[in-house]
């Protein structure tokens, strides 16, 4: 069972990491448009539409990835103090009450929305000669399916936690730097850091 959970975690992670490169492409696109507009005096009318589509795509396709890493913001400040079984019970209830109905509605409505856009070969009307919208709208049901698949994985994790009393492991990924772990890895203590700061402050030629 754990191998299946890890496999779906890997799929969500792979998709999220692939689409995260859109941020880099978007950065270059914005930089080029600023240069083209203010230096070359030749703005591109389609660039604004494309920026919105790229940002929206990266946001939507990151949903399953964020859920796989347990990275979505929680509104309950007391949740972290609850024992694992109570956390799992609350999560399981909320998944069935809100998550599954909401994501299923997203997939269904998004699928209909994308098909209608494809049928008429819809293009953006914000600017003249706007780019086609139907590839962007197809992202809605695709991201919804990935999110729903990852949601089923999280439901299984909740059930495992209710049975065993602790949360099962997750697929490892890039995490924020833990300062305490970093100091332990390089064998540095707070007193060593304080001593270095004192040495630098008292060193001749240093500016205080």
N, C-alpha and C. Protein backbone atom coordinates (compact mmCIF):
# COMPACT_ATOMS: atom_id res chain seq x y z
N UNK A 1 0.82 -1.21 0.00
CA UNK A 1 0.00 0.00 0.00
C UNK A 1 0.86 1.27 0.00
N UNK A 2 1.92 1.23 0.84
CA UNK A 2 2.80 2.41 0.93
C UNK A 2 3.46 2.70 -0.41
N UNK A 3 3.79 1.65 -1.17
CA UNK A 3 4.41 1.85 -2.49
C UNK A 3 3.46 2.56 -3.45
N UNK A 4 2.16 2.22 -3.36
CA UNK A 4 1.17 2.88 -4.22
C UNK A 4 1.05 4.35 -3.84
N UNK A 5 1.02 4.62 -2.54
CA UNK A 5 0.94 6.01 -2.08
C UNK A 5 2.15 6.80 -2.56
N UNK A 6 3.33 6.20 -2.43
CA UNK A 6 4.55 6.88 -2.87
C UNK A 6 4.55 7.10 -4.38
N UNK A 7 4.01 6.15 -5.12
CA UNK A 7 3.98 6.30 -6.58
C UNK A 7 3.12 7.50 -6.99
N UNK A 8 1.94 7.62 -6.39
CA UNK A 8 1.08 8.76 -6.71
C UNK A 8 1.71 10.06 -6.22
N UNK A 9 2.38 10.01 -5.07
CA UNK A 9 3.13 11.18 -4.60
C UNK A 9 4.18 11.59 -5.63
N UNK A 10 4.86 10.60 -6.20
CA UNK A 10 5.90 10.89 -7.19
C UNK A 10 5.30 11.52 -8.45
N UNK A 11 4.13 11.01 -8.86
CA UNK A 11 3.47 11.59 -10.04
C UNK A 11 3.11 13.05 -9.77
N UNK A 12 2.50 13.31 -8.62
CA UNK A 12 2.13 14.69 -8.27
C UNK A 12 3.37 15.57 -8.18
N UNK A 13 4.44 15.02 -7.60
CA UNK A 13 5.69 15.79 -7.47
C UNK A 13 6.29 16.08 -8.83
N UNK A 14 6.31 15.06 -9.69
CA UNK A 14 6.89 15.22 -11.03
C UNK A 14 6.12 16.28 -11.82
N UNK A 15 4.79 16.23 -11.79
CA UNK A 15 3.98 17.21 -12.50
C UNK A 15 4.22 18.61 -11.94
N UNK A 16 4.23 18.72 -10.61
CA UNK A 16 4.46 20.03 -10.00
C UNK A 16 5.81 20.61 -10.34
N UNK A 17 6.84 19.78 -10.34
CA UNK A 17 8.19 20.27 -10.65
C UNK A 17 8.32 20.65 -12.12
N UNK A 18 7.69 19.89 -13.00
CA UNK A 18 7.74 20.23 -14.43
C UNK A 18 7.10 21.59 -14.68
N UNK A 19 5.91 21.79 -14.14
CA UNK A 19 5.19 23.04 -14.39
C UNK A 19 5.75 24.21 -13.59
N UNK A 20 6.57 23.93 -12.58
CA UNK A 20 7.19 25.03 -11.85
C UNK A 20 8.15 25.82 -12.73
N UNK A 21 8.65 25.18 -13.80
CA UNK A 21 9.55 25.89 -14.72
C UNK A 21 8.83 27.00 -15.49
N UNK A 22 7.50 26.97 -15.46
CA UNK A 22 6.76 28.06 -16.09
C UNK A 22 7.05 29.40 -15.42
N UNK A 23 7.40 29.36 -14.13
CA UNK A 23 7.74 30.60 -13.43
C UNK A 23 9.00 31.23 -14.03
N UNK A 24 9.97 30.37 -14.38
CA UNK A 24 11.19 30.88 -15.02
C UNK A 24 10.86 31.46 -16.40
N UNK A 25 10.07 30.71 -17.17
CA UNK A 25 9.68 31.20 -18.50
C UNK A 25 8.88 32.49 -18.37
N UNK A 26 8.00 32.56 -17.38
CA UNK A 26 7.20 33.76 -17.16
C UNK A 26 8.07 34.95 -16.80
N UNK A 27 9.11 34.70 -16.01
CA UNK A 27 10.03 35.78 -15.65
C UNK A 27 10.73 36.35 -16.88
N UNK A 28 11.19 35.46 -17.75
CA UNK A 28 11.84 35.92 -18.98
C UNK A 28 10.85 36.63 -19.90
N UNK A 29 9.62 36.14 -19.95
CA UNK A 29 8.61 36.77 -20.80
C UNK A 29 8.30 38.18 -20.32
N UNK A 30 8.13 38.36 -19.02
CA UNK A 30 7.86 39.69 -18.48
C UNK A 30 9.04 40.62 -18.72
N UNK A 31 10.26 40.11 -18.50
CA UNK A 31 11.46 40.93 -18.73
C UNK A 31 11.56 41.36 -20.18
N UNK A 32 11.28 40.43 -21.11
CA UNK A 32 11.35 40.75 -22.53
C UNK A 32 10.29 41.78 -22.90
N UNK A 33 9.09 41.62 -22.35
CA UNK A 33 8.02 42.55 -22.68
C UNK A 33 8.32 43.96 -22.18
N UNK A 34 8.90 44.06 -20.99
CA UNK A 34 9.29 45.37 -20.47
C UNK A 34 10.36 46.00 -21.36
N UNK A 35 11.36 45.20 -21.77
CA UNK A 35 12.41 45.70 -22.66
C UNK A 35 11.82 46.10 -24.01
N UNK A 36 10.94 45.24 -24.54
CA UNK A 36 10.35 45.52 -25.84
C UNK A 36 9.47 46.76 -25.81
N UNK A 37 8.76 46.95 -24.70
CA UNK A 37 7.82 48.07 -24.61
C UNK A 37 8.54 49.40 -24.41
N UNK A 38 9.51 49.43 -23.50
CA UNK A 38 10.10 50.71 -23.09
C UNK A 38 11.42 51.03 -23.79
N UNK A 39 12.10 50.03 -24.31
CA UNK A 39 13.37 50.28 -25.00
C UNK A 39 13.17 50.25 -26.52
N UNK A 40 12.51 49.20 -27.00
CA UNK A 40 12.30 49.07 -28.43
C UNK A 40 11.04 49.79 -28.92
N UNK A 41 10.21 50.20 -27.96
CA UNK A 41 8.95 50.87 -28.29
C UNK A 41 8.09 50.00 -29.21
N UNK A 42 8.07 48.70 -28.89
CA UNK A 42 7.32 47.74 -29.71
C UNK A 42 6.63 46.73 -28.80
N UNK A 43 5.56 47.12 -28.10
CA UNK A 43 4.87 46.19 -27.20
C UNK A 43 4.16 45.08 -27.97
N UNK A 44 4.01 43.96 -27.32
CA UNK A 44 3.32 42.82 -27.93
C UNK A 44 1.94 42.67 -27.28
N UNK A 45 0.87 42.86 -28.02
CA UNK A 45 -0.47 42.83 -27.43
C UNK A 45 -0.84 41.51 -26.80
N UNK A 46 -0.26 40.41 -27.29
CA UNK A 46 -0.62 39.09 -26.81
C UNK A 46 0.10 38.71 -25.53
N UNK A 47 1.12 39.48 -25.13
CA UNK A 47 1.95 39.07 -24.00
C UNK A 47 1.18 39.06 -22.69
N UNK A 48 0.28 40.02 -22.49
CA UNK A 48 -0.48 40.09 -21.24
C UNK A 48 -1.36 38.85 -21.08
N UNK A 49 -2.03 38.45 -22.16
CA UNK A 49 -2.85 37.24 -22.11
C UNK A 49 -2.01 36.01 -21.79
N UNK A 50 -0.85 35.93 -22.43
CA UNK A 50 0.01 34.77 -22.23
C UNK A 50 0.54 34.71 -20.80
N UNK A 51 0.83 35.86 -20.23
CA UNK A 51 1.30 35.90 -18.83
C UNK A 51 0.23 35.35 -17.89
N UNK A 52 -1.01 35.77 -18.10
CA UNK A 52 -2.10 35.29 -17.26
C UNK A 52 -2.27 33.78 -17.39
N UNK A 53 -2.21 33.28 -18.62
CA UNK A 53 -2.37 31.85 -18.85
C UNK A 53 -1.24 31.05 -18.21
N UNK A 54 -0.02 31.53 -18.31
CA UNK A 54 1.12 30.81 -17.75
C UNK A 54 1.05 30.79 -16.23
N UNK A 55 0.69 31.92 -15.65
CA UNK A 55 0.58 31.96 -14.19
C UNK A 55 -0.56 31.07 -13.71
N UNK A 56 -1.70 31.13 -14.39
CA UNK A 56 -2.83 30.29 -14.03
C UNK A 56 -2.52 28.81 -14.15
N UNK A 57 -1.79 28.44 -15.20
CA UNK A 57 -1.42 27.05 -15.40
C UNK A 57 -0.51 26.56 -14.29
N UNK A 58 0.50 27.35 -13.95
CA UNK A 58 1.42 26.95 -12.88
C UNK A 58 0.68 26.84 -11.55
N UNK A 59 -0.28 27.72 -11.31
CA UNK A 59 -1.05 27.69 -10.06
C UNK A 59 -1.93 26.44 -10.00
N UNK A 60 -2.63 26.15 -11.08
CA UNK A 60 -3.54 25.00 -11.09
C UNK A 60 -2.78 23.67 -11.00
N UNK A 61 -1.70 23.55 -11.74
CA UNK A 61 -0.97 22.29 -11.78
C UNK A 61 -0.14 22.05 -10.53
N UNK A 62 -0.04 23.05 -9.67
CA UNK A 62 0.69 22.88 -8.41
C UNK A 62 -0.21 22.36 -7.30
N UNK A 63 -1.52 22.23 -7.56
CA UNK A 63 -2.45 21.84 -6.51
C UNK A 63 -2.17 20.46 -5.94
N UNK A 64 -2.02 19.46 -6.82
CA UNK A 64 -1.76 18.09 -6.36
C UNK A 64 -0.40 18.00 -5.69
N UNK A 65 0.58 18.70 -6.23
CA UNK A 65 1.92 18.71 -5.65
C UNK A 65 1.89 19.26 -4.22
N UNK A 66 1.19 20.38 -4.04
CA UNK A 66 1.11 21.00 -2.72
C UNK A 66 0.39 20.11 -1.73
N UNK A 67 -0.67 19.45 -2.18
CA UNK A 67 -1.38 18.52 -1.31
C UNK A 67 -0.51 17.33 -0.94
N UNK A 68 0.28 16.84 -1.89
CA UNK A 68 1.17 15.71 -1.62
C UNK A 68 2.21 16.06 -0.56
N UNK A 69 2.62 17.33 -0.51
CA UNK A 69 3.61 17.78 0.47
C UNK A 69 2.98 18.34 1.73
N UNK A 70 1.65 18.22 1.83
CA UNK A 70 0.92 18.73 2.99
C UNK A 70 1.20 20.21 3.17
N UNK A 71 1.21 20.94 2.06
CA UNK A 71 1.61 22.34 2.10
C UNK A 71 0.48 23.34 2.04
N UNK A 72 -0.76 22.89 1.96
CA UNK A 72 -1.87 23.83 1.92
C UNK A 72 -2.07 24.48 3.28
N UNK A 73 -2.46 25.74 3.28
CA UNK A 73 -2.64 26.49 4.52
C UNK A 73 -3.86 25.97 5.27
N UNK A 74 -3.70 25.77 6.57
CA UNK A 74 -4.81 25.34 7.42
C UNK A 74 -5.33 26.54 8.19
N UNK A 75 -6.65 26.64 8.29
CA UNK A 75 -7.26 27.76 8.99
C UNK A 75 -7.37 27.58 10.49
N UNK A 76 -7.24 26.33 10.97
CA UNK A 76 -7.42 26.05 12.39
C UNK A 76 -6.07 26.09 13.10
N UNK A 77 -5.88 27.08 13.98
CA UNK A 77 -4.60 27.21 14.69
C UNK A 77 -4.43 26.14 15.76
N UNK A 78 -5.51 25.47 16.14
CA UNK A 78 -5.44 24.43 17.16
C UNK A 78 -5.09 23.06 16.57
N UNK A 79 -5.18 22.93 15.26
CA UNK A 79 -4.99 21.63 14.61
C UNK A 79 -3.65 21.01 14.96
N UNK A 80 -2.61 21.81 14.97
CA UNK A 80 -1.27 21.28 15.23
C UNK A 80 -1.09 20.71 16.62
N UNK A 81 -1.96 21.08 17.57
CA UNK A 81 -1.84 20.58 18.94
C UNK A 81 -2.65 19.30 19.16
N UNK A 82 -3.44 18.91 18.17
CA UNK A 82 -4.26 17.71 18.32
C UNK A 82 -3.42 16.45 18.13
N UNK A 83 -3.80 15.34 18.76
CA UNK A 83 -3.10 14.07 18.51
C UNK A 83 -3.37 13.60 17.08
N UNK A 84 -2.50 12.76 16.53
CA UNK A 84 -2.63 12.34 15.13
C UNK A 84 -3.99 11.75 14.78
N UNK A 85 -4.56 10.92 15.66
CA UNK A 85 -5.85 10.31 15.33
C UNK A 85 -6.96 11.35 15.20
N UNK A 86 -6.93 12.37 16.06
CA UNK A 86 -7.94 13.43 15.96
C UNK A 86 -7.73 14.24 14.69
N UNK A 87 -6.48 14.51 14.34
CA UNK A 87 -6.18 15.21 13.09
C UNK A 87 -6.70 14.41 11.90
N UNK A 88 -6.44 13.11 11.91
CA UNK A 88 -6.87 12.26 10.79
C UNK A 88 -8.39 12.21 10.70
N UNK A 89 -9.07 12.16 11.85
CA UNK A 89 -10.52 12.14 11.84
C UNK A 89 -11.11 13.41 11.27
N UNK A 90 -10.53 14.55 11.65
CA UNK A 90 -11.00 15.84 11.11
C UNK A 90 -10.73 15.93 9.62
N UNK A 91 -9.53 15.54 9.21
CA UNK A 91 -9.19 15.59 7.79
C UNK A 91 -10.11 14.69 6.97
N UNK A 92 -10.35 13.50 7.47
CA UNK A 92 -11.18 12.56 6.73
C UNK A 92 -12.60 13.10 6.56
N UNK A 93 -13.13 13.69 7.62
CA UNK A 93 -14.47 14.28 7.54
C UNK A 93 -14.52 15.41 6.52
N UNK A 94 -13.51 16.27 6.55
CA UNK A 94 -13.49 17.42 5.64
C UNK A 94 -13.26 16.98 4.19
N UNK A 95 -12.48 15.92 3.99
CA UNK A 95 -12.28 15.41 2.62
C UNK A 95 -13.60 14.96 2.00
N UNK A 96 -14.41 14.25 2.79
CA UNK A 96 -15.67 13.74 2.27
C UNK A 96 -16.74 14.83 2.16
N UNK A 97 -16.72 15.78 3.08
CA UNK A 97 -17.76 16.82 3.08
C UNK A 97 -17.50 17.91 2.04
N UNK A 98 -16.24 18.30 1.87
CA UNK A 98 -15.93 19.46 1.04
C UNK A 98 -14.99 19.15 -0.12
N UNK A 99 -13.91 18.43 0.16
CA UNK A 99 -12.89 18.25 -0.87
C UNK A 99 -13.41 17.47 -2.07
N UNK A 100 -13.91 16.27 -1.83
CA UNK A 100 -14.34 15.42 -2.95
C UNK A 100 -15.48 16.07 -3.74
N UNK A 101 -16.55 16.56 -3.10
CA UNK A 101 -17.60 17.22 -3.90
C UNK A 101 -17.08 18.44 -4.67
N UNK A 102 -16.23 19.22 -4.03
CA UNK A 102 -15.71 20.42 -4.69
C UNK A 102 -14.83 20.11 -5.88
N UNK A 103 -13.93 19.14 -5.73
CA UNK A 103 -13.01 18.81 -6.82
C UNK A 103 -13.74 18.09 -7.95
N UNK A 104 -14.69 17.22 -7.59
CA UNK A 104 -15.49 16.56 -8.64
C UNK A 104 -16.26 17.60 -9.45
N UNK A 105 -16.82 18.60 -8.76
CA UNK A 105 -17.51 19.69 -9.47
C UNK A 105 -16.54 20.46 -10.36
N UNK A 106 -15.31 20.67 -9.87
CA UNK A 106 -14.30 21.36 -10.66
C UNK A 106 -13.98 20.59 -11.93
N UNK A 107 -13.80 19.28 -11.80
CA UNK A 107 -13.47 18.45 -12.96
C UNK A 107 -14.62 18.46 -13.97
N UNK A 108 -15.85 18.28 -13.48
CA UNK A 108 -17.01 18.22 -14.37
C UNK A 108 -17.24 19.54 -15.09
N UNK A 109 -17.26 20.63 -14.32
CA UNK A 109 -17.48 21.95 -14.92
C UNK A 109 -16.32 22.34 -15.82
N UNK A 110 -15.09 22.02 -15.39
CA UNK A 110 -13.93 22.35 -16.20
C UNK A 110 -13.90 21.59 -17.51
N UNK A 111 -14.33 20.33 -17.46
CA UNK A 111 -14.38 19.51 -18.68
C UNK A 111 -15.38 20.10 -19.68
N UNK A 112 -16.56 20.45 -19.19
CA UNK A 112 -17.58 21.07 -20.06
C UNK A 112 -17.09 22.41 -20.61
N UNK A 113 -16.48 23.18 -19.74
CA UNK A 113 -15.95 24.49 -20.10
C UNK A 113 -14.89 24.37 -21.20
N UNK A 114 -13.98 23.39 -21.05
CA UNK A 114 -12.91 23.21 -22.02
C UNK A 114 -13.45 22.71 -23.36
N UNK A 115 -14.42 21.79 -23.33
CA UNK A 115 -14.99 21.28 -24.58
C UNK A 115 -15.70 22.38 -25.36
N UNK A 116 -16.45 23.23 -24.66
CA UNK A 116 -17.12 24.34 -25.34
C UNK A 116 -16.10 25.30 -25.96
N UNK A 117 -15.03 25.55 -25.25
CA UNK A 117 -13.98 26.44 -25.77
C UNK A 117 -13.31 25.83 -26.98
N UNK A 118 -13.05 24.52 -26.94
CA UNK A 118 -12.42 23.83 -28.06
C UNK A 118 -13.34 23.81 -29.28
N UNK A 119 -14.64 23.63 -29.05
CA UNK A 119 -15.59 23.53 -30.16
C UNK A 119 -15.65 24.81 -30.99
N UNK A 120 -15.51 25.95 -30.33
CA UNK A 120 -15.59 27.23 -31.04
C UNK A 120 -14.21 27.82 -31.32
N UNK A 121 -13.16 27.05 -30.97
CA UNK A 121 -11.78 27.55 -31.14
C UNK A 121 -11.65 28.96 -30.52
N UNK A 122 -12.02 29.02 -29.23
CA UNK A 122 -12.07 30.31 -28.54
C UNK A 122 -10.70 30.95 -28.42
N UNK A 123 -10.64 32.24 -28.64
CA UNK A 123 -9.42 33.02 -28.46
C UNK A 123 -9.70 34.17 -27.50
N UNK A 124 -8.65 34.68 -26.91
CA UNK A 124 -8.81 35.78 -25.95
C UNK A 124 -9.31 37.04 -26.66
N UNK A 125 -10.19 37.74 -25.98
CA UNK A 125 -10.73 38.99 -26.53
C UNK A 125 -10.20 40.21 -25.77
N UNK A 126 -9.26 39.99 -24.86
CA UNK A 126 -8.71 41.12 -24.10
C UNK A 126 -7.88 42.03 -24.99
N UNK A 127 -7.20 41.42 -25.96
CA UNK A 127 -6.36 42.17 -26.88
C UNK A 127 -6.63 41.70 -28.30
N UNK A 128 -6.19 42.51 -29.25
CA UNK A 128 -6.34 42.12 -30.65
C UNK A 128 -5.45 40.92 -30.95
N UNK A 129 -5.98 40.00 -31.75
CA UNK A 129 -5.24 38.79 -32.10
C UNK A 129 -4.76 38.03 -30.87
N UNK A 130 -5.66 37.90 -29.89
CA UNK A 130 -5.31 37.20 -28.66
C UNK A 130 -5.03 35.74 -28.89
N UNK A 131 -4.22 35.12 -28.02
CA UNK A 131 -3.89 33.70 -28.18
C UNK A 131 -5.11 32.81 -27.90
N UNK A 132 -5.11 31.57 -28.40
CA UNK A 132 -6.24 30.66 -28.15
C UNK A 132 -6.38 30.33 -26.67
N UNK A 133 -7.62 30.21 -26.23
CA UNK A 133 -7.90 29.95 -24.82
C UNK A 133 -8.12 28.48 -24.50
N UNK A 134 -8.52 27.67 -25.48
CA UNK A 134 -8.90 26.30 -25.17
C UNK A 134 -7.76 25.44 -24.61
N UNK A 135 -6.49 25.63 -25.02
CA UNK A 135 -5.45 24.83 -24.36
C UNK A 135 -5.34 25.18 -22.88
N UNK A 136 -5.49 26.47 -22.57
CA UNK A 136 -5.42 26.90 -21.18
C UNK A 136 -6.59 26.35 -20.37
N UNK A 137 -7.79 26.36 -20.95
CA UNK A 137 -8.97 25.88 -20.23
C UNK A 137 -8.94 24.37 -20.02
N UNK A 138 -8.23 23.64 -20.88
CA UNK A 138 -8.11 22.20 -20.68
C UNK A 138 -7.31 21.86 -19.43
N UNK A 139 -6.52 22.83 -18.96
CA UNK A 139 -5.75 22.63 -17.74
C UNK A 139 -6.68 22.42 -16.54
N UNK A 140 -7.87 23.02 -16.57
CA UNK A 140 -8.78 22.95 -15.42
C UNK A 140 -9.17 21.51 -15.09
N UNK A 141 -9.74 20.74 -16.03
CA UNK A 141 -10.10 19.35 -15.68
C UNK A 141 -8.88 18.47 -15.42
N UNK A 142 -7.77 18.72 -16.13
CA UNK A 142 -6.57 17.90 -15.93
C UNK A 142 -6.03 18.09 -14.51
N UNK A 143 -5.92 19.33 -14.10
CA UNK A 143 -5.43 19.60 -12.74
C UNK A 143 -6.40 19.07 -11.70
N UNK A 144 -7.70 19.13 -12.00
CA UNK A 144 -8.69 18.60 -11.07
C UNK A 144 -8.57 17.10 -10.88
N UNK A 145 -8.31 16.37 -11.96
CA UNK A 145 -8.15 14.92 -11.88
C UNK A 145 -6.92 14.58 -11.03
N UNK A 146 -5.82 15.28 -11.26
CA UNK A 146 -4.61 15.04 -10.47
C UNK A 146 -4.84 15.34 -8.99
N UNK A 147 -5.55 16.43 -8.73
CA UNK A 147 -5.85 16.81 -7.36
C UNK A 147 -6.76 15.78 -6.69
N UNK A 148 -7.73 15.28 -7.43
CA UNK A 148 -8.65 14.27 -6.89
C UNK A 148 -7.90 12.97 -6.60
N UNK A 149 -6.99 12.59 -7.49
CA UNK A 149 -6.19 11.38 -7.29
C UNK A 149 -5.34 11.51 -6.03
N UNK A 150 -4.71 12.66 -5.85
CA UNK A 150 -3.90 12.88 -4.65
C UNK A 150 -4.78 12.94 -3.42
N UNK A 151 -5.99 13.45 -3.56
CA UNK A 151 -6.93 13.48 -2.45
C UNK A 151 -7.28 12.09 -1.96
N UNK A 152 -7.47 11.14 -2.87
CA UNK A 152 -7.74 9.76 -2.48
C UNK A 152 -6.56 9.18 -1.70
N UNK A 153 -5.35 9.56 -2.10
CA UNK A 153 -4.16 9.12 -1.37
C UNK A 153 -4.19 9.66 0.06
N UNK A 154 -4.56 10.93 0.20
CA UNK A 154 -4.61 11.53 1.54
C UNK A 154 -5.70 10.90 2.39
N UNK A 155 -6.79 10.49 1.77
CA UNK A 155 -7.85 9.80 2.51
C UNK A 155 -7.34 8.46 3.05
N UNK A 156 -6.58 7.74 2.21
CA UNK A 156 -5.98 6.49 2.66
C UNK A 156 -5.03 6.75 3.82
N UNK A 157 -4.26 7.82 3.74
CA UNK A 157 -3.34 8.16 4.83
C UNK A 157 -4.11 8.44 6.13
N UNK A 158 -5.24 9.11 6.01
CA UNK A 158 -6.07 9.37 7.19
C UNK A 158 -6.54 8.06 7.81
N UNK A 159 -6.97 7.11 6.99
CA UNK A 159 -7.44 5.82 7.49
C UNK A 159 -6.31 5.05 8.17
N UNK A 160 -5.12 5.08 7.56
CA UNK A 160 -3.96 4.42 8.17
C UNK A 160 -3.63 5.04 9.52
N UNK A 161 -3.69 6.38 9.59
CA UNK A 161 -3.39 7.07 10.84
C UNK A 161 -4.42 6.73 11.92
N UNK A 162 -5.68 6.61 11.53
CA UNK A 162 -6.71 6.25 12.50
C UNK A 162 -6.47 4.85 13.06
N UNK A 163 -5.92 3.96 12.23
CA UNK A 163 -5.67 2.59 12.68
C UNK A 163 -4.39 2.48 13.50
N UNK A 164 -3.33 3.18 13.07
CA UNK A 164 -2.01 2.99 13.68
C UNK A 164 -1.66 4.06 14.70
N UNK A 165 -2.38 5.18 14.68
CA UNK A 165 -2.10 6.23 15.66
C UNK A 165 -1.00 7.18 15.27
N UNK A 166 -0.45 7.07 14.07
CA UNK A 166 0.56 8.02 13.60
C UNK A 166 0.48 8.14 12.09
N UNK A 167 0.92 9.29 11.60
CA UNK A 167 0.83 9.55 10.17
C UNK A 167 1.87 8.73 9.41
N UNK A 168 1.48 8.13 8.28
CA UNK A 168 2.46 7.40 7.46
C UNK A 168 3.42 8.37 6.79
N UNK A 169 4.55 7.83 6.37
CA UNK A 169 5.60 8.66 5.75
C UNK A 169 5.14 9.20 4.41
N UNK A 170 5.76 10.31 4.01
CA UNK A 170 5.50 10.92 2.71
C UNK A 170 6.76 10.87 1.86
N UNK A 171 6.56 11.04 0.57
CA UNK A 171 7.69 11.10 -0.35
C UNK A 171 8.52 12.33 -0.05
N UNK A 172 9.83 12.17 0.07
CA UNK A 172 10.72 13.28 0.39
C UNK A 172 10.85 14.22 -0.80
N UNK A 173 11.03 15.49 -0.48
CA UNK A 173 11.19 16.50 -1.52
C UNK A 173 12.00 17.65 -0.94
N UNK A 174 12.24 18.66 -1.76
CA UNK A 174 12.98 19.84 -1.31
C UNK A 174 12.22 20.51 -0.18
N UNK A 175 12.92 20.82 0.90
CA UNK A 175 12.30 21.48 2.03
C UNK A 175 13.06 22.77 2.35
N UNK A 176 12.43 23.62 3.14
CA UNK A 176 13.09 24.83 3.58
C UNK A 176 14.27 24.46 4.49
N UNK A 177 15.28 25.33 4.52
CA UNK A 177 16.47 25.06 5.32
C UNK A 177 16.12 25.10 6.80
N UNK A 178 16.44 24.02 7.51
CA UNK A 178 16.29 23.97 8.96
C UNK A 178 17.62 24.40 9.56
N UNK A 179 17.66 25.56 10.20
CA UNK A 179 18.91 26.13 10.70
C UNK A 179 19.56 25.22 11.73
N UNK A 180 18.75 24.64 12.61
CA UNK A 180 19.31 23.79 13.66
C UNK A 180 19.94 22.53 13.06
N UNK A 181 19.27 21.92 12.07
CA UNK A 181 19.83 20.75 11.41
C UNK A 181 21.10 21.11 10.66
N UNK A 182 21.11 22.30 10.05
CA UNK A 182 22.30 22.73 9.31
C UNK A 182 23.49 22.91 10.25
N UNK A 183 23.26 23.50 11.42
CA UNK A 183 24.34 23.69 12.39
C UNK A 183 24.86 22.35 12.90
N UNK A 184 23.95 21.40 13.08
CA UNK A 184 24.37 20.08 13.54
C UNK A 184 25.20 19.36 12.48
N UNK A 185 24.86 19.55 11.21
CA UNK A 185 25.59 18.89 10.13
C UNK A 185 27.02 19.39 10.05
N UNK A 186 27.24 20.68 10.26
CA UNK A 186 28.59 21.26 10.14
C UNK A 186 29.26 21.39 11.50
N UNK A 187 28.62 20.85 12.55
CA UNK A 187 29.19 20.83 13.90
C UNK A 187 29.52 22.24 14.42
N UNK A 188 28.56 23.11 14.28
CA UNK A 188 28.71 24.49 14.75
C UNK A 188 27.68 24.74 15.84
N UNK A 189 28.13 25.38 16.93
CA UNK A 189 27.23 25.71 18.03
C UNK A 189 26.97 27.21 18.05
N UNK A 190 26.00 27.61 18.86
CA UNK A 190 25.68 29.04 18.98
C UNK A 190 26.86 29.81 19.56
N UNK A 191 27.62 29.19 20.46
CA UNK A 191 28.78 29.88 21.03
C UNK A 191 29.86 30.11 19.98
N UNK A 192 30.01 29.15 19.05
CA UNK A 192 30.98 29.34 17.95
C UNK A 192 30.59 30.53 17.09
N UNK A 193 29.29 30.65 16.79
CA UNK A 193 28.81 31.77 15.97
C UNK A 193 29.01 33.09 16.70
N UNK A 194 28.71 33.09 18.01
CA UNK A 194 28.89 34.31 18.80
C UNK A 194 30.36 34.71 18.86
N UNK A 195 31.25 33.72 18.99
CA UNK A 195 32.68 34.01 19.02
C UNK A 195 33.17 34.59 17.71
N UNK A 196 32.66 34.06 16.60
CA UNK A 196 33.04 34.59 15.29
C UNK A 196 32.56 36.02 15.12
N UNK A 197 31.35 36.30 15.57
CA UNK A 197 30.82 37.67 15.48
C UNK A 197 31.68 38.63 16.30
N UNK A 198 32.10 38.20 17.49
CA UNK A 198 32.94 39.05 18.35
C UNK A 198 34.28 39.30 17.71
N UNK A 199 34.87 38.26 17.09
CA UNK A 199 36.17 38.41 16.43
C UNK A 199 36.09 39.39 15.27
N UNK A 200 35.03 39.30 14.49
CA UNK A 200 34.87 40.20 13.34
C UNK A 200 34.66 41.63 13.81
N UNK A 201 33.88 41.78 14.90
CA UNK A 201 33.58 43.14 15.40
C UNK A 201 34.81 43.81 15.98
N UNK A 202 35.74 43.04 16.59
CA UNK A 202 36.92 43.61 17.23
C UNK A 202 38.13 43.60 16.33
N UNK A 203 38.02 43.05 15.15
CA UNK A 203 39.16 42.98 14.21
C UNK A 203 39.55 44.38 13.76
N UNK A 204 40.84 44.73 13.76
CA UNK A 204 41.26 46.06 13.30
C UNK A 204 40.81 46.32 11.88
N UNK A 205 40.28 47.52 11.68
CA UNK A 205 39.80 47.91 10.35
C UNK A 205 38.36 47.61 10.12
N UNK A 206 37.71 46.86 11.04
CA UNK A 206 36.29 46.57 10.87
C UNK A 206 35.47 47.77 11.23
N UNK A 207 34.33 47.91 10.62
CA UNK A 207 33.44 49.04 10.88
C UNK A 207 32.37 48.61 11.85
N UNK A 208 32.22 49.29 12.95
CA UNK A 208 31.23 48.95 13.95
C UNK A 208 29.95 49.70 13.74
